[in-house]
Amino acid sequence: MTNDAMRILMVEDNPIDARLLKAILSTANLGDFQITHSATLAGAIGLLEKNGFDVILLDLSLPDSYGIETVNRMHASAADLPIVVMTSLDDAGFGIQALQAGAQDYMVKGHIDAHMLARSVRYAIERNRMQMEIRNLSLRDELTGLYNRRGFLALAEQQLKLAERSSRDLLLIFADVDGLKYINDTFGHREGDHVIKNAAAVLRKTFRRSDIIARIGGDEFTVLAVDASREDGQGMIEVLRHNITMRNELSEDPYNLSLSVGMAAFEPSITHSIEELMSRADIALYDQKKLRRSRSVNSRASAEREHLTAV
């Protein structure tokens, strides 16, 4: 096995079908490859958060998910990976629905041979690569490589629809860089770009692969955390603070990176759009800034009183 081996995530709950697919793959002309197997969608999503893969072979009849919803959920968790659907339903219309939901190809069980499987996997990877290149031109922020506002809204609206249908938790975290104007004015805009890149790197380190991280403005970032509650969010914020502290301790920059953060949880009764969720998180961020300023003013006033008393 080489470092360039193709990494395949196979999501299949039927042990007989799983063994058959592995046997077919072993005779397919794919070069070196490594198979990781999951019998459930939840298990597969967990593996995606911890490992890198090149392609997903996805059965649509799983213990915890069925049909097109399986493609929707997998695509939402791995929007940048090619998905080849495996189904026992010999129905071209169903296959087209799978493609519309984000799959690159579909194959009907019982009609799969080594040549067909190898061709499908290779084509899926190549088509996905070309699509991602085109998509990234319009959906990625050039400075940080994160999603831009357009990319974020496109992916986040998809997640919101899934949350509404399946009662999943969503948490939106809004953050901006403190003191960016001061850094730009004092050290120059090149250093300002440097701090924006550092903020993006810390956010990448903090959040999961399945979360959607974006730079939506000059110093503004947002994260949509999937299957995360408000309680989960508190833990994420603590990890973010820790990562910022560690970054500042190791940095030789003449300033410290600092982020203000606000968050809002998806609530079906009041959340009807991603923009509404962003607005609520932005208000929470503004409230945090006001609280920090108030504490700073009170701290200075207390110090001045102590000084007068001492005099």
C-alpha atoms as a PDB file:
ATOM      1  CA  MET A   1       0.000   0.000   0.000  1.00  0.00           C
ATOM      2  CA  THR A   2       1.428   3.388  -1.006  1.00  0.00           C
ATOM      3  CA  ASN A   3       0.718   6.868   0.316  1.00  0.00           C
ATOM      4  CA  ASP A   4      -1.033   7.558  -3.002  1.00  0.00           C
ATOM      5  CA  ALA A   5      -3.503   4.702  -2.546  1.00  0.00           C
ATOM      6  CA  MET A   6      -7.100   5.598  -3.316  1.00  0.00           C
ATOM      7  CA  ARG A   7      -9.085   5.919  -0.076  1.00  0.00           C
ATOM      8  CA  ILE A   8     -12.605   4.506  -0.410  1.00  0.00           C
ATOM      9  CA  LEU A   9     -15.336   4.879   2.212  1.00  0.00           C
ATOM     10  CA  MET A  10     -17.921   2.115   1.709  1.00  0.00           C
ATOM     11  CA  VAL A  11     -21.238   2.632   3.505  1.00  0.00           C
ATOM     12  CA  GLU A  12     -23.113  -0.673   3.342  1.00  0.00           C
ATOM     13  CA  ASP A  13     -25.019  -2.485   6.090  1.00  0.00           C
ATOM     14  CA  ASN A  14     -25.504  -5.815   4.295  1.00  0.00           C
ATOM     15  CA  PRO A  15     -22.421  -7.955   5.096  1.00  0.00           C
ATOM     16  CA  ILE A  16     -22.920 -10.117   1.991  1.00  0.00           C
ATOM     17  CA  ASP A  17     -23.074  -7.073  -0.306  1.00  0.00           C
ATOM     18  CA  ALA A  18     -20.090  -5.562   1.499  1.00  0.00           C
ATOM     19  CA  ARG A  19     -17.980  -8.692   0.933  1.00  0.00           C
ATOM     20  CA  LEU A  20     -19.077  -8.850  -2.700  1.00  0.00           C
ATOM     21  CA  LEU A  21     -18.135  -5.213  -3.334  1.00  0.00           C
ATOM     22  CA  LYS A  22     -14.747  -5.726  -1.706  1.00  0.00           C
ATOM     23  CA  ALA A  23     -14.162  -8.758  -3.922  1.00  0.00           C
ATOM     24  CA  ILE A  24     -15.141  -6.803  -7.037  1.00  0.00           C
ATOM     25  CA  LEU A  25     -12.895  -3.908  -6.030  1.00  0.00           C
ATOM     26  CA  SER A  26      -9.975  -6.298  -5.588  1.00  0.00           C
ATOM     27  CA  THR A  27     -10.253  -7.283  -9.254  1.00  0.00           C
ATOM     28  CA  ALA A  28     -11.003  -3.779 -10.572  1.00  0.00           C
ATOM     29  CA  ASN A  29      -8.211  -1.874 -12.273  1.00  0.00           C
ATOM     30  CA  LEU A  30      -7.915   0.860  -9.623  1.00  0.00           C
ATOM     31  CA  GLY A  31      -4.278   0.483  -8.567  1.00  0.00           C
ATOM     32  CA  ASP A  32      -3.585   0.613  -4.849  1.00  0.00           C
ATOM     33  CA  PHE A  33      -6.633   1.363  -2.719  1.00  0.00           C
ATOM     34  CA  GLN A  34      -7.736   1.261   0.892  1.00  0.00           C
ATOM     35  CA  ILE A  35     -11.325   0.481   1.947  1.00  0.00           C
ATOM     36  CA  THR A  36     -12.902   1.760   5.153  1.00  0.00           C
ATOM     37  CA  HIS A  37     -16.296   0.227   5.887  1.00  0.00           C
ATOM     38  CA  SER A  38     -19.247   1.597   7.857  1.00  0.00           C
ATOM     39  CA  ALA A  39     -22.625  -0.091   8.278  1.00  0.00           C
ATOM     40  CA  THR A  40     -24.466   3.134   9.225  1.00  0.00           C
ATOM     41  CA  LEU A  41     -24.682   6.690   7.956  1.00  0.00           C
ATOM     42  CA  ALA A  42     -23.876   8.102  11.398  1.00  0.00           C
ATOM     43  CA  GLY A  43     -20.755   5.964  11.578  1.00  0.00           C
ATOM     44  CA  ALA A  44     -19.687   7.096   8.117  1.00  0.00           C
ATOM     45  CA  ILE A  45     -20.135  10.771   9.019  1.00  0.00           C
ATOM     46  CA  GLY A  46     -18.023  10.169  12.127  1.00  0.00           C
ATOM     47  CA  LEU A  47     -15.269   8.638   9.984  1.00  0.00           C
ATOM     48  CA  LEU A  48     -15.390  11.624   7.616  1.00  0.00           C
ATOM     49  CA  GLU A  49     -14.641  13.969  10.508  1.00  0.00           C
ATOM     50  CA  LYS A  50     -11.454  12.068  11.380  1.00  0.00           C
ATOM     51  CA  ASN A  51     -10.147  10.742   8.061  1.00  0.00           C
ATOM     52  CA  GLY A  52      -9.570  11.823   4.502  1.00  0.00           C
ATOM     53  CA  PHE A  53     -11.233   9.951   1.634  1.00  0.00           C
ATOM     54  CA  ASP A  54     -11.226  10.161  -2.158  1.00  0.00           C
ATOM     55  CA  VAL A  55     -14.640   8.657  -2.905  1.00  0.00           C
ATOM     56  CA  ILE A  56     -17.736   7.346  -1.116  1.00  0.00           C
ATOM     57  CA  LEU A  57     -19.671   4.224  -2.144  1.00  0.00           C
ATOM     58  CA  LEU A  58     -23.097   4.746  -0.571  1.00  0.00           C
ATOM     59  CA  ASP A  59     -25.902   2.256  -0.092  1.00  0.00           C
ATOM     60  CA  LEU A  60     -29.327   3.915   0.191  1.00  0.00           C
ATOM     61  CA  SER A  61     -30.948   1.372   2.527  1.00  0.00           C
ATOM     62  CA  LEU A  62     -29.208   1.822   5.874  1.00  0.00           C
ATOM     63  CA  PRO A  63     -30.426   1.189   9.428  1.00  0.00           C
ATOM     64  CA  ASP A  64     -30.413   4.928  10.201  1.00  0.00           C
ATOM     65  CA  SER A  65     -31.284   6.431   6.818  1.00  0.00           C
ATOM     66  CA  TYR A  66     -33.151   5.490   3.660  1.00  0.00           C
ATOM     67  CA  GLY A  67     -33.478   6.689   0.081  1.00  0.00           C
ATOM     68  CA  ILE A  68     -32.663  10.138  -1.268  1.00  0.00           C
ATOM     69  CA  GLU A  69     -32.450  11.536   2.256  1.00  0.00           C
ATOM     70  CA  THR A  70     -29.314   9.405   2.661  1.00  0.00           C
ATOM     71  CA  VAL A  71     -27.682  11.177  -0.279  1.00  0.00           C
ATOM     72  CA  ASN A  72     -28.798  14.567   1.047  1.00  0.00           C
ATOM     73  CA  ARG A  73     -27.288  13.936   4.460  1.00  0.00           C
ATOM     74  CA  MET A  74     -24.056  12.467   3.137  1.00  0.00           C
ATOM     75  CA  HIS A  75     -23.609  15.278   0.619  1.00  0.00           C
ATOM     76  CA  ALA A  76     -24.249  17.842   3.363  1.00  0.00           C
ATOM     77  CA  SER A  77     -21.497  16.257   5.477  1.00  0.00           C
ATOM     78  CA  ALA A  78     -19.020  15.798   2.616  1.00  0.00           C
ATOM     79  CA  ALA A  79     -19.874  18.380  -0.033  1.00  0.00           C
ATOM     80  CA  ASP A  80     -16.379  18.173  -1.532  1.00  0.00           C
ATOM     81  CA  LEU A  81     -16.278  14.386  -1.998  1.00  0.00           C
ATOM     82  CA  PRO A  82     -17.646  12.335  -4.936  1.00  0.00           C
ATOM     83  CA  ILE A  83     -20.476   9.957  -4.042  1.00  0.00           C
ATOM     84  CA  VAL A  84     -21.312   6.822  -6.018  1.00  0.00           C
ATOM     85  CA  VAL A  85     -24.733   5.512  -5.026  1.00  0.00           C
ATOM     86  CA  MET A  86     -25.451   1.779  -4.836  1.00  0.00           C
ATOM     87  CA  THR A  87     -29.093   0.785  -4.923  1.00  0.00           C
ATOM     88  CA  SER A  88     -31.164  -2.330  -5.450  1.00  0.00           C
ATOM     89  CA  LEU A  89     -33.841  -0.243  -7.134  1.00  0.00           C
ATOM     90  CA  ASP A  90     -33.500  -0.728 -10.879  1.00  0.00           C
ATOM     91  CA  ASP A  91     -35.137   2.610 -11.612  1.00  0.00           C
ATOM     92  CA  ALA A  92     -33.521   5.255 -13.819  1.00  0.00           C
ATOM     93  CA  GLY A  93     -35.751   7.942 -12.325  1.00  0.00           C
ATOM     94  CA  PHE A  94     -34.494   7.115  -8.839  1.00  0.00           C
ATOM     95  CA  GLY A  95     -30.909   7.275 -10.091  1.00  0.00           C
ATOM     96  CA  ILE A  96     -31.531  10.740 -11.556  1.00  0.00           C
ATOM     97  CA  GLN A  97     -32.902  11.886  -8.196  1.00  0.00           C
ATOM     98  CA  ALA A  98     -29.686  10.664  -6.578  1.00  0.00           C
ATOM     99  CA  LEU A  99     -27.627  12.691  -9.072  1.00  0.00           C
ATOM    100  CA  GLN A 100     -29.769  15.771  -8.418  1.00  0.00           C
ATOM    101  CA  ALA A 101     -29.161  15.313  -4.694  1.00  0.00           C
ATOM    102  CA  GLY A 102     -25.384  15.484  -5.206  1.00  0.00           C
ATOM    103  CA  ALA A 103     -24.224  12.007  -6.213  1.00  0.00           C
ATOM    104  CA  GLN A 104     -21.777  11.687  -9.102  1.00  0.00           C
ATOM    105  CA  ASP A 105     -23.051   8.316 -10.338  1.00  0.00           C
ATOM    106  CA  TYR A 106     -25.276   5.394  -9.376  1.00  0.00           C
ATOM    107  CA  MET A 107     -25.076   1.650  -9.866  1.00  0.00           C
ATOM    108  CA  VAL A 108     -27.684  -1.062  -9.445  1.00  0.00           C
ATOM    109  CA  LYS A 109     -26.709  -3.951  -7.190  1.00  0.00           C
ATOM    110  CA  GLY A 110     -26.569  -7.277  -8.978  1.00  0.00           C
ATOM    111  CA  HIS A 111     -25.443  -5.553 -12.173  1.00  0.00           C
ATOM    112  CA  ILE A 112     -22.010  -4.378 -10.978  1.00  0.00           C
ATOM    113  CA  ASP A 113     -18.812  -5.824 -12.415  1.00  0.00           C
ATOM    114  CA  ALA A 114     -15.165  -4.856 -11.934  1.00  0.00           C
ATOM    115  CA  HIS A 115     -14.926  -2.804 -15.142  1.00  0.00           C
ATOM    116  CA  MET A 116     -18.130  -0.882 -14.403  1.00  0.00           C
ATOM    117  CA  LEU A 117     -17.140  -0.183 -10.806  1.00  0.00           C
ATOM    118  CA  ALA A 118     -13.632   0.995 -11.707  1.00  0.00           C
ATOM    119  CA  ARG A 119     -14.998   3.232 -14.468  1.00  0.00           C
ATOM    120  CA  SER A 120     -17.672   4.712 -12.194  1.00  0.00           C
ATOM    121  CA  VAL A 121     -15.234   5.439  -9.355  1.00  0.00           C
ATOM    122  CA  ARG A 122     -12.639   7.046 -11.646  1.00  0.00           C
ATOM    123  CA  TYR A 123     -15.191   9.161 -13.496  1.00  0.00           C
ATOM    124  CA  ALA A 124     -16.842  10.235 -10.258  1.00  0.00           C
ATOM    125  CA  ILE A 125     -13.530  11.448  -8.825  1.00  0.00           C
ATOM    126  CA  GLU A 126     -12.596  13.304 -12.012  1.00  0.00           C
ATOM    127  CA  ARG A 127     -16.027  14.903 -12.490  1.00  0.00           C
ATOM    128  CA  ASN A 128     -16.050  15.978  -8.867  1.00  0.00           C
ATOM    129  CA  ARG A 129     -12.553  17.471  -9.204  1.00  0.00           C
ATOM    130  CA  MET A 130     -13.587  19.564 -12.208  1.00  0.00           C
ATOM    131  CA  GLN A 131     -16.821  20.658 -10.561  1.00  0.00           C
ATOM    132  CA  MET A 132     -14.975  21.681  -7.397  1.00  0.00           C
ATOM    133  CA  GLU A 133     -12.479  23.737  -9.391  1.00  0.00           C
ATOM    134  CA  ILE A 134     -15.286  25.632 -11.117  1.00  0.00           C
ATOM    135  CA  ARG A 135     -17.272  25.954  -7.921  1.00  0.00           C
ATOM    136  CA  ASN A 136     -14.321  27.209  -5.903  1.00  0.00           C
ATOM    137  CA  LEU A 137     -13.758  30.055  -8.335  1.00  0.00           C
ATOM    138  CA  SER A 138     -17.074  31.585  -7.277  1.00  0.00           C
ATOM    139  CA  LEU A 139     -17.657  30.183  -3.771  1.00  0.00           C
ATOM    140  CA  ARG A 140     -14.237  30.553  -2.104  1.00  0.00           C
ATOM    141  CA  ASP A 141     -12.607  33.560  -0.453  1.00  0.00           C
ATOM    142  CA  GLU A 142      -9.361  34.247  -2.270  1.00  0.00           C
ATOM    143  CA  LEU A 143      -7.396  35.399   0.796  1.00  0.00           C
ATOM    144  CA  THR A 144      -8.239  32.596   3.250  1.00  0.00           C
ATOM    145  CA  GLY A 145      -9.475  29.721   1.086  1.00  0.00           C
ATOM    146  CA  LEU A 146     -12.633  29.532   3.229  1.00  0.00           C
ATOM    147  CA  TYR A 147     -16.082  29.796   1.695  1.00  0.00           C
ATOM    148  CA  ASN A 148     -17.169  33.323   0.819  1.00  0.00           C
ATOM    149  CA  ARG A 149     -20.607  34.720   1.593  1.00  0.00           C
ATOM    150  CA  ARG A 150     -22.155  33.225  -1.547  1.00  0.00           C
ATOM    151  CA  GLY A 151     -20.676  29.794  -0.866  1.00  0.00           C
ATOM    152  CA  PHE A 152     -21.729  29.874   2.763  1.00  0.00           C
ATOM    153  CA  LEU A 153     -25.335  30.825   2.013  1.00  0.00           C
ATOM    154  CA  ALA A 154     -25.634  28.130  -0.680  1.00  0.00           C
ATOM    155  CA  LEU A 155     -24.401  25.338   1.622  1.00  0.00           C
ATOM    156  CA  ALA A 156     -26.053  26.658   4.771  1.00  0.00           C
ATOM    157  CA  GLU A 157     -29.498  26.889   3.177  1.00  0.00           C
ATOM    158  CA  GLN A 158     -29.153  23.226   2.223  1.00  0.00           C
ATOM    159  CA  GLN A 159     -28.314  22.332   5.830  1.00  0.00           C
ATOM    160  CA  LEU A 160     -31.260  24.396   7.098  1.00  0.00           C
ATOM    161  CA  LYS A 161     -33.685  22.464   4.876  1.00  0.00           C
ATOM    162  CA  LEU A 162     -32.280  19.178   6.207  1.00  0.00           C
ATOM    163  CA  ALA A 163     -32.610  20.426   9.785  1.00  0.00           C
ATOM    164  CA  GLU A 164     -36.228  21.429   9.212  1.00  0.00           C
ATOM    165  CA  ARG A 165     -37.098  18.006   7.739  1.00  0.00           C
ATOM    166  CA  SER A 166     -35.232  15.829  10.217  1.00  0.00           C
ATOM    167  CA  SER A 167     -35.278  17.948  13.416  1.00  0.00           C
ATOM    168  CA  ARG A 168     -31.482  18.169  13.489  1.00  0.00           C
ATOM    169  CA  ASP A 169     -29.584  20.667  15.613  1.00  0.00           C
ATOM    170  CA  LEU A 170     -27.777  23.540  13.917  1.00  0.00           C
ATOM    171  CA  LEU A 171     -25.661  26.214  15.529  1.00  0.00           C
ATOM    172  CA  LEU A 172     -24.451  29.359  13.812  1.00  0.00           C
ATOM    173  CA  ILE A 173     -21.380  31.085  15.220  1.00  0.00           C
ATOM    174  CA  PHE A 174     -20.529  34.630  14.175  1.00  0.00           C
ATOM    175  CA  ALA A 175     -17.035  36.041  14.807  1.00  0.00           C
ATOM    176  CA  ASP A 176     -15.065  39.134  13.925  1.00  0.00           C
ATOM    177  CA  VAL A 177     -11.448  40.135  14.420  1.00  0.00           C
ATOM    178  CA  ASP A 178     -10.933  42.673  17.193  1.00  0.00           C
ATOM    179  CA  GLY A 179      -8.800  45.705  16.389  1.00  0.00           C
ATOM    180  CA  LEU A 180      -8.285  45.055  12.675  1.00  0.00           C
ATOM    181  CA  LYS A 181      -8.459  48.788  11.879  1.00  0.00           C
ATOM    182  CA  TYR A 182      -5.744  49.466  14.452  1.00  0.00           C
ATOM    183  CA  ILE A 183      -3.552  46.725  12.957  1.00  0.00           C
ATOM    184  CA  ASN A 184      -4.087  48.075   9.426  1.00  0.00           C
ATOM    185  CA  ASP A 185      -3.390  51.673  10.489  1.00  0.00           C
ATOM    186  CA  THR A 186      -0.375  50.803  12.642  1.00  0.00           C
ATOM    187  CA  PHE A 187       1.318  47.948  10.807  1.00  0.00           C
ATOM    188  CA  GLY A 188      -0.131  48.193   7.294  1.00  0.00           C
ATOM    189  CA  HIS A 189      -2.743  46.292   5.295  1.00  0.00           C
ATOM    190  CA  ARG A 190      -0.369  43.436   4.525  1.00  0.00           C
ATOM    191  CA  GLU A 191      -0.215  42.719   8.248  1.00  0.00           C
ATOM    192  CA  GLY A 192      -4.002  43.066   8.339  1.00  0.00           C
ATOM    193  CA  ASP A 193      -4.253  40.328   5.706  1.00  0.00           C
ATOM    194  CA  HIS A 194      -1.870  38.247   7.824  1.00  0.00           C
ATOM    195  CA  VAL A 195      -4.137  38.448  10.877  1.00  0.00           C
ATOM    196  CA  ILE A 196      -7.182  37.532   8.754  1.00  0.00           C
ATOM    197  CA  LYS A 197      -5.332  34.414   7.541  1.00  0.00           C
ATOM    198  CA  ASN A 198      -4.376  33.558  11.128  1.00  0.00           C
ATOM    199  CA  ALA A 199      -8.002  33.882  12.235  1.00  0.00           C
ATOM    200  CA  ALA A 200      -9.066  31.556   9.412  1.00  0.00           C
ATOM    201  CA  ALA A 201      -6.393  29.013  10.415  1.00  0.00           C
ATOM    202  CA  VAL A 202      -7.569  29.007  14.040  1.00  0.00           C
ATOM    203  CA  LEU A 203     -11.186  28.509  12.962  1.00  0.00           C
ATOM    204  CA  ARG A 204     -10.165  25.576  10.742  1.00  0.00           C
ATOM    205  CA  LYS A 205      -8.283  24.015  13.647  1.00  0.00           C
ATOM    206  CA  THR A 206     -11.210  24.472  16.026  1.00  0.00           C
ATOM    207  CA  PHE A 207     -14.166  23.247  14.023  1.00  0.00           C
ATOM    208  CA  ARG A 208     -14.988  19.930  12.371  1.00  0.00           C
ATOM    209  CA  ARG A 209     -14.725  18.916   8.746  1.00  0.00           C
ATOM    210  CA  SER A 210     -18.528  18.697   8.559  1.00  0.00           C
ATOM    211  CA  ASP A 211     -18.938  22.320   9.733  1.00  0.00           C
ATOM    212  CA  ILE A 212     -19.194  25.123   7.165  1.00  0.00           C
ATOM    213  CA  ILE A 213     -16.628  27.881   7.799  1.00  0.00           C
ATOM    214  CA  ALA A 214     -16.710  31.115   5.811  1.00  0.00           C
ATOM    215  CA  ARG A 215     -15.286  34.608   5.632  1.00  0.00           C
ATOM    216  CA  ILE A 216     -18.306  36.735   4.800  1.00  0.00           C
ATOM    217  CA  GLY A 217     -16.808  40.218   5.094  1.00  0.00           C
ATOM    218  CA  GLY A 218     -13.595  42.118   5.722  1.00  0.00           C
ATOM    219  CA  ASP A 219     -13.078  40.951   9.312  1.00  0.00           C
ATOM    220  CA  GLU A 220     -16.209  38.809   9.699  1.00  0.00           C
ATOM    221  CA  PHE A 221     -16.385  35.024   9.823  1.00  0.00           C
ATOM    222  CA  THR A 222     -19.236  32.619  10.335  1.00  0.00           C
ATOM    223  CA  VAL A 223     -19.440  28.898  11.108  1.00  0.00           C
ATOM    224  CA  LEU A 224     -22.476  26.646  10.729  1.00  0.00           C
ATOM    225  CA  ALA A 225     -21.963  23.712  13.099  1.00  0.00           C
ATOM    226  CA  VAL A 226     -24.004  20.680  12.035  1.00  0.00           C
ATOM    227  CA  ASP A 227     -25.694  18.456  14.640  1.00  0.00           C
ATOM    228  CA  ALA A 228     -24.536  20.841  17.372  1.00  0.00           C
ATOM    229  CA  SER A 229     -26.671  22.289  20.173  1.00  0.00           C
ATOM    230  CA  ARG A 230     -26.158  25.506  22.134  1.00  0.00           C
ATOM    231  CA  GLU A 231     -24.477  23.417  24.844  1.00  0.00           C
ATOM    232  CA  ASP A 232     -22.093  21.975  22.258  1.00  0.00           C
ATOM    233  CA  GLY A 233     -21.420  25.536  21.124  1.00  0.00           C
ATOM    234  CA  GLN A 234     -20.167  26.570  24.552  1.00  0.00           C
ATOM    235  CA  GLY A 235     -17.578  23.816  24.375  1.00  0.00           C
ATOM    236  CA  MET A 236     -16.586  24.879  20.858  1.00  0.00           C
ATOM    237  CA  ILE A 237     -16.101  28.474  22.018  1.00  0.00           C
ATOM    238  CA  GLU A 238     -13.861  27.272  24.839  1.00  0.00           C
ATOM    239  CA  VAL A 239     -11.753  25.277  22.368  1.00  0.00           C
ATOM    240  CA  LEU A 240     -11.590  28.349  20.112  1.00  0.00           C
ATOM    241  CA  ARG A 241     -10.367  30.517  22.998  1.00  0.00           C
ATOM    242  CA  HIS A 242      -7.762  27.906  23.892  1.00  0.00           C
ATOM    243  CA  ASN A 243      -6.524  27.716  20.300  1.00  0.00           C
ATOM    244  CA  ILE A 244      -6.277  31.500  20.088  1.00  0.00           C
ATOM    245  CA  THR A 245      -4.300  31.605  23.344  1.00  0.00           C
ATOM    246  CA  MET A 246      -1.918  28.897  22.102  1.00  0.00           C
ATOM    247  CA  ARG A 247      -1.466  30.729  18.798  1.00  0.00           C
ATOM    248  CA  ASN A 248      -0.658  34.010  20.579  1.00  0.00           C
ATOM    249  CA  GLU A 249       1.858  32.323  22.893  1.00  0.00           C
ATOM    250  CA  LEU A 250       3.744  30.895  19.909  1.00  0.00           C
ATOM    251  CA  SER A 251       3.478  33.998  17.718  1.00  0.00           C
ATOM    252  CA  GLU A 252       6.126  36.697  17.327  1.00  0.00           C
ATOM    253  CA  ASP A 253       3.595  39.222  15.997  1.00  0.00           C
ATOM    254  CA  PRO A 254       3.560  42.613  17.791  1.00  0.00           C
ATOM    255  CA  TYR A 255      -0.131  42.143  18.631  1.00  0.00           C
ATOM    256  CA  ASN A 256      -2.425  39.385  19.883  1.00  0.00           C
ATOM    257  CA  LEU A 257      -5.119  37.777  17.769  1.00  0.00           C
ATOM    258  CA  SER A 258      -8.527  38.368  19.349  1.00  0.00           C
ATOM    259  CA  LEU A 259     -12.014  37.395  18.175  1.00  0.00           C
ATOM    260  CA  SER A 260     -15.430  38.483  19.393  1.00  0.00           C
ATOM    261  CA  VAL A 261     -18.000  35.714  19.083  1.00  0.00           C
ATOM    262  CA  GLY A 262     -21.786  35.385  19.098  1.00  0.00           C
ATOM    263  CA  MET A 263     -23.937  32.351  18.409  1.00  0.00           C
ATOM    264  CA  ALA A 264     -27.530  31.406  17.647  1.00  0.00           C
ATOM    265  CA  ALA A 265     -29.171  27.981  17.682  1.00  0.00           C
ATOM    266  CA  PHE A 266     -31.641  26.780  15.074  1.00  0.00           C
ATOM    267  CA  GLU A 267     -35.184  26.911  16.438  1.00  0.00           C
ATOM    268  CA  PRO A 268     -37.901  25.668  14.038  1.00  0.00           C
ATOM    269  CA  SER A 269     -40.527  28.032  15.463  1.00  0.00           C
ATOM    270  CA  ILE A 270     -38.547  31.224  14.734  1.00  0.00           C
ATOM    271  CA  THR A 271     -35.825  30.350  12.210  1.00  0.00           C
ATOM    272  CA  HIS A 272     -37.001  30.588   8.607  1.00  0.00           C
ATOM    273  CA  SER A 273     -33.786  31.492   6.823  1.00  0.00           C
ATOM    274  CA  ILE A 274     -30.029  31.457   7.287  1.00  0.00           C
ATOM    275  CA  GLU A 275     -30.057  35.269   7.177  1.00  0.00           C
ATOM    276  CA  GLU A 276     -32.306  35.297  10.270  1.00  0.00           C
ATOM    277  CA  LEU A 277     -29.964  32.932  12.079  1.00  0.00           C
ATOM    278  CA  MET A 278     -26.985  35.111  11.094  1.00  0.00           C
ATOM    279  CA  SER A 279     -28.791  38.216  12.342  1.00  0.00           C
ATOM    280  CA  ARG A 280     -29.445  36.637  15.746  1.00  0.00           C
ATOM    281  CA  ALA A 281     -25.800  35.536  16.038  1.00  0.00           C
ATOM    282  CA  ASP A 282     -24.651  39.029  15.022  1.00  0.00           C
ATOM    283  CA  ILE A 283     -26.818  40.578  17.748  1.00  0.00           C
ATOM    284  CA  ALA A 284     -25.302  38.135  20.278  1.00  0.00           C
ATOM    285  CA  LEU A 285     -21.819  39.169  19.113  1.00  0.00           C
ATOM    286  CA  TYR A 286     -22.687  42.866  19.475  1.00  0.00           C
ATOM    287  CA  ASP A 287     -24.040  42.225  22.989  1.00  0.00           C
ATOM    288  CA  GLN A 288     -20.761  40.496  23.877  1.00  0.00           C
ATOM    289  CA  LYS A 289     -18.772  43.479  22.618  1.00  0.00           C
ATOM    290  CA  LYS A 290     -20.914  45.860  24.708  1.00  0.00           C
ATOM    291  CA  LEU A 291     -20.407  43.672  27.774  1.00  0.00           C
ATOM    292  CA  ARG A 292     -16.630  43.596  27.231  1.00  0.00           C
ATOM    293  CA  ARG A 293     -16.499  47.379  26.784  1.00  0.00           C
ATOM    294  CA  SER A 294     -18.592  47.863  29.918  1.00  0.00           C
ATOM    295  CA  ARG A 295     -16.262  45.613  31.922  1.00  0.00           C
ATOM    296  CA  SER A 296     -13.255  47.475  30.544  1.00  0.00           C
ATOM    297  CA  VAL A 297     -14.732  50.873  31.503  1.00  0.00           C
ATOM    298  CA  ASN A 298     -15.654  49.623  34.982  1.00  0.00           C
ATOM    299  CA  SER A 299     -12.165  48.170  35.419  1.00  0.00           C
ATOM    300  CA  ARG A 300     -10.524  51.477  34.464  1.00  0.00           C
ATOM    301  CA  ALA A 301     -12.873  53.430  36.742  1.00  0.00           C
ATOM    302  CA  SER A 302     -12.080  51.078  39.630  1.00  0.00           C
ATOM    303  CA  ALA A 303      -8.342  51.483  39.026  1.00  0.00           C
ATOM    304  CA  GLU A 304      -8.697  55.283  38.982  1.00  0.00           C
ATOM    305  CA  ARG A 305     -10.636  55.242  42.283  1.00  0.00           C
ATOM    306  CA  GLU A 306      -7.958  53.086  43.883  1.00  0.00           C
ATOM    307  CA  HIS A 307      -5.305  55.512  42.648  1.00  0.00           C
ATOM    308  CA  LEU A 308      -7.142  58.529  44.106  1.00  0.00           C
ATOM    309  CA  THR A 309      -7.623  56.729  47.399  1.00  0.00           C
ATOM    310  CA  ALA A 310      -3.931  55.908  47.545  1.00  0.00           C
ATOM    311  CA  VAL A 311      -3.005  59.547  46.863  1.00  0.00           C
END
